[in-house]
Amino acid sequence: MINVLVVEDDAIARSVICAIIKSGGYNAMEADGGESALQICENANVKIDLILTDFKMPNMNGVELIKRLRIDHADMRAVLMSGFANDTVDTEGGKMTNLLFMRKPFLPQELLTMIRTALS
């Protein structure tokens, strides 16, 4: 089973995204922000294959979260989501590998296609 960790501070959006992921045959795990995502990754007894994270969240944005997770999981695949048209991904001058970007809102099939792309 492929495990996808969804990190989204909006509970309704998180619930919808997890339902779409489950409909695609993946296991969806939920975190409401960066700190809870770090705890889940640290305590998970399963491998997390992909992190799907919102870009703008309180306390820790999606890029910061991915950077922190990759300290211990260097090859972790990630999809960064944003609903803000002006968002750009600043990785402090360096290109982050295994990172894709997706604009919200998206259709269920677009999300599932992005997940397959990220995992391939």
C-alpha atoms as a PDB file:
ATOM      1  CA  MET A   1       0.000   0.000   0.000  1.00  0.00           C
ATOM      2  CA  ILE A   2       1.262   3.456  -0.935  1.00  0.00           C
ATOM      3  CA  ASN A   3       1.105   5.915   1.997  1.00  0.00           C
ATOM      4  CA  VAL A   4       0.437   9.593   1.304  1.00  0.00           C
ATOM      5  CA  LEU A   5       0.669  12.166   4.089  1.00  0.00           C
ATOM      6  CA  VAL A   6      -1.659  15.120   3.477  1.00  0.00           C
ATOM      7  CA  VAL A   7      -0.609  18.276   5.309  1.00  0.00           C
ATOM      8  CA  GLU A   8      -3.334  20.913   5.088  1.00  0.00           C
ATOM      9  CA  ASP A   9      -4.456  23.370   7.753  1.00  0.00           C
ATOM     10  CA  ASP A  10      -7.997  23.644   6.365  1.00  0.00           C
ATOM     11  CA  ALA A  11      -9.951  20.681   7.769  1.00  0.00           C
ATOM     12  CA  ILE A  12     -12.527  20.580   4.956  1.00  0.00           C
ATOM     13  CA  ALA A  13      -9.896  20.717   2.207  1.00  0.00           C
ATOM     14  CA  ARG A  14      -7.838  18.062   4.023  1.00  0.00           C
ATOM     15  CA  SER A  15     -10.861  15.766   4.276  1.00  0.00           C
ATOM     16  CA  VAL A  16     -11.743  16.145   0.579  1.00  0.00           C
ATOM     17  CA  ILE A  17      -8.139  15.587  -0.526  1.00  0.00           C
ATOM     18  CA  CYS A  18      -7.863  12.450   1.628  1.00  0.00           C
ATOM     19  CA  ALA A  19     -11.129  11.094   0.196  1.00  0.00           C
ATOM     20  CA  ILE A  20      -9.796  11.587  -3.344  1.00  0.00           C
ATOM     21  CA  ILE A  21      -6.532   9.861  -2.452  1.00  0.00           C
ATOM     22  CA  LYS A  22      -8.371   6.900  -0.927  1.00  0.00           C
ATOM     23  CA  SER A  23     -10.602   6.643  -4.010  1.00  0.00           C
ATOM     24  CA  GLY A  24      -7.408   6.188  -6.035  1.00  0.00           C
ATOM     25  CA  GLY A  25      -6.393   3.180  -3.963  1.00  0.00           C
ATOM     26  CA  TYR A  26      -3.799   4.895  -1.774  1.00  0.00           C
ATOM     27  CA  ASN A  27      -3.640   5.133   2.008  1.00  0.00           C
ATOM     28  CA  ALA A  28      -4.105   8.735   3.182  1.00  0.00           C
ATOM     29  CA  MET A  29      -2.688   9.988   6.459  1.00  0.00           C
ATOM     30  CA  GLU A  30      -3.601  13.450   7.792  1.00  0.00           C
ATOM     31  CA  ALA A  31      -1.745  16.300   9.476  1.00  0.00           C
ATOM     32  CA  ASP A  32      -3.141  19.754  10.199  1.00  0.00           C
ATOM     33  CA  GLY A  33       0.224  21.524   9.962  1.00  0.00           C
ATOM     34  CA  GLY A  34       3.984  21.218   9.852  1.00  0.00           C
ATOM     35  CA  GLU A  35       4.582  20.266  13.477  1.00  0.00           C
ATOM     36  CA  SER A  36       2.002  17.482  13.438  1.00  0.00           C
ATOM     37  CA  ALA A  37       3.426  16.224  10.120  1.00  0.00           C
ATOM     38  CA  LEU A  38       6.906  16.026  11.650  1.00  0.00           C
ATOM     39  CA  GLN A  39       5.503  14.057  14.597  1.00  0.00           C
ATOM     40  CA  ILE A  40       3.626  11.663  12.323  1.00  0.00           C
ATOM     41  CA  CYS A  41       6.734  11.030  10.220  1.00  0.00           C
ATOM     42  CA  GLU A  42       8.845  10.483  13.330  1.00  0.00           C
ATOM     43  CA  ASN A  43       6.377   8.079  14.926  1.00  0.00           C
ATOM     44  CA  ALA A  44       4.948   6.325  11.861  1.00  0.00           C
ATOM     45  CA  ASN A  45       5.407   2.587  11.805  1.00  0.00           C
ATOM     46  CA  VAL A  46       4.929   2.601   8.023  1.00  0.00           C
ATOM     47  CA  LYS A  47       6.952   4.217   5.269  1.00  0.00           C
ATOM     48  CA  ILE A  48       5.477   7.480   4.005  1.00  0.00           C
ATOM     49  CA  ASP A  49       5.913   7.377   0.242  1.00  0.00           C
ATOM     50  CA  LEU A  50       4.708  10.893  -0.580  1.00  0.00           C
ATOM     51  CA  ILE A  51       3.966  14.110   1.252  1.00  0.00           C
ATOM     52  CA  LEU A  52       1.260  16.327  -0.196  1.00  0.00           C
ATOM     53  CA  THR A  53       1.489  19.666   1.584  1.00  0.00           C
ATOM     54  CA  ASP A  54      -0.105  23.059   1.416  1.00  0.00           C
ATOM     55  CA  PHE A  55       2.351  25.868   0.709  1.00  0.00           C
ATOM     56  CA  LYS A  56       0.960  28.485   3.119  1.00  0.00           C
ATOM     57  CA  MET A  57       0.278  27.281   6.635  1.00  0.00           C
ATOM     58  CA  PRO A  58       0.641  28.887  10.059  1.00  0.00           C
ATOM     59  CA  ASN A  59       4.011  28.464  11.813  1.00  0.00           C
ATOM     60  CA  MET A  60       5.759  26.480   9.055  1.00  0.00           C
ATOM     61  CA  ASN A  61       5.224  26.671   5.292  1.00  0.00           C
ATOM     62  CA  GLY A  62       5.328  23.664   3.008  1.00  0.00           C
ATOM     63  CA  VAL A  63       8.882  24.253   1.745  1.00  0.00           C
ATOM     64  CA  GLU A  64      10.211  24.513   5.317  1.00  0.00           C
ATOM     65  CA  LEU A  65       8.389  21.295   6.209  1.00  0.00           C
ATOM     66  CA  ILE A  66       9.826  19.398   3.250  1.00  0.00           C
ATOM     67  CA  LYS A  67      13.340  20.621   4.043  1.00  0.00           C
ATOM     68  CA  ARG A  68      13.013  19.457   7.650  1.00  0.00           C
ATOM     69  CA  LEU A  69      11.604  16.073   6.658  1.00  0.00           C
ATOM     70  CA  ARG A  70      14.383  15.509   4.152  1.00  0.00           C
ATOM     71  CA  ILE A  71      17.025  15.753   6.868  1.00  0.00           C
ATOM     72  CA  ASP A  72      16.107  12.178   7.802  1.00  0.00           C
ATOM     73  CA  HIS A  73      14.329  11.159   4.570  1.00  0.00           C
ATOM     74  CA  ALA A  74      16.507  12.609   1.803  1.00  0.00           C
ATOM     75  CA  ASP A  75      14.627  10.986  -1.064  1.00  0.00           C
ATOM     76  CA  MET A  76      11.099  11.767   0.159  1.00  0.00           C
ATOM     77  CA  ARG A  77       8.850  12.699  -2.736  1.00  0.00           C
ATOM     78  CA  ALA A  78       6.646  15.748  -2.319  1.00  0.00           C
ATOM     79  CA  VAL A  79       3.864  17.728  -3.957  1.00  0.00           C
ATOM     80  CA  LEU A  80       3.415  21.326  -2.871  1.00  0.00           C
ATOM     81  CA  MET A  81      -0.105  22.780  -3.286  1.00  0.00           C
ATOM     82  CA  SER A  82      -1.192  26.401  -3.340  1.00  0.00           C
ATOM     83  CA  GLY A  83      -4.404  28.245  -3.980  1.00  0.00           C
ATOM     84  CA  PHE A  84      -2.685  31.609  -4.263  1.00  0.00           C
ATOM     85  CA  ALA A  85      -1.924  32.688  -7.830  1.00  0.00           C
ATOM     86  CA  ASN A  86       1.140  34.711  -6.860  1.00  0.00           C
ATOM     87  CA  ASP A  87       2.899  31.979  -4.887  1.00  0.00           C
ATOM     88  CA  THR A  88       6.327  31.009  -6.090  1.00  0.00           C
ATOM     89  CA  VAL A  89       8.452  28.271  -4.624  1.00  0.00           C
ATOM     90  CA  ASP A  90      11.592  29.752  -3.092  1.00  0.00           C
ATOM     91  CA  THR A  91      14.021  27.017  -2.169  1.00  0.00           C
ATOM     92  CA  GLU A  92      16.721  29.500  -1.161  1.00  0.00           C
ATOM     93  CA  GLY A  93      18.501  29.378  -4.480  1.00  0.00           C
ATOM     94  CA  GLY A  94      18.650  25.609  -4.765  1.00  0.00           C
ATOM     95  CA  LYS A  95      16.437  23.325  -6.776  1.00  0.00           C
ATOM     96  CA  MET A  96      14.652  20.784  -4.621  1.00  0.00           C
ATOM     97  CA  THR A  97      14.530  17.337  -6.174  1.00  0.00           C
ATOM     98  CA  ASN A  98      11.486  15.092  -6.025  1.00  0.00           C
ATOM     99  CA  LEU A  99       9.232  18.141  -5.578  1.00  0.00           C
ATOM    100  CA  LEU A 100       6.239  18.989  -7.753  1.00  0.00           C
ATOM    101  CA  PHE A 101       3.906  21.990  -7.566  1.00  0.00           C
ATOM    102  CA  MET A 102       0.130  21.933  -8.000  1.00  0.00           C
ATOM    103  CA  ARG A 103      -2.339  24.830  -8.065  1.00  0.00           C
ATOM    104  CA  LYS A 104      -5.567  24.601  -6.091  1.00  0.00           C
ATOM    105  CA  PRO A 105      -8.351  24.091  -6.834  1.00  0.00           C
ATOM    106  CA  PHE A 106      -7.875  20.921  -8.839  1.00  0.00           C
ATOM    107  CA  LEU A 107     -10.075  18.124 -10.098  1.00  0.00           C
ATOM    108  CA  PRO A 108      -9.864  14.699  -8.441  1.00  0.00           C
ATOM    109  CA  GLN A 109      -8.327  13.149 -11.572  1.00  0.00           C
ATOM    110  CA  GLU A 110      -5.680  15.904 -11.684  1.00  0.00           C
ATOM    111  CA  LEU A 111      -4.675  15.101  -8.105  1.00  0.00           C
ATOM    112  CA  LEU A 112      -4.447  11.368  -8.769  1.00  0.00           C
ATOM    113  CA  THR A 113      -2.391  12.004 -11.921  1.00  0.00           C
ATOM    114  CA  MET A 114      -0.038  14.248  -9.941  1.00  0.00           C
ATOM    115  CA  ILE A 115       0.388  11.554  -7.286  1.00  0.00           C
ATOM    116  CA  ARG A 116       1.249   8.947  -9.920  1.00  0.00           C
ATOM    117  CA  THR A 117       3.726  11.376 -11.499  1.00  0.00           C
ATOM    118  CA  ALA A 118       5.350  12.140  -8.142  1.00  0.00           C
ATOM    119  CA  LEU A 119       5.757   8.459  -7.334  1.00  0.00           C
ATOM    120  CA  SER A 120       7.191   7.475 -10.731  1.00  0.00           C
END
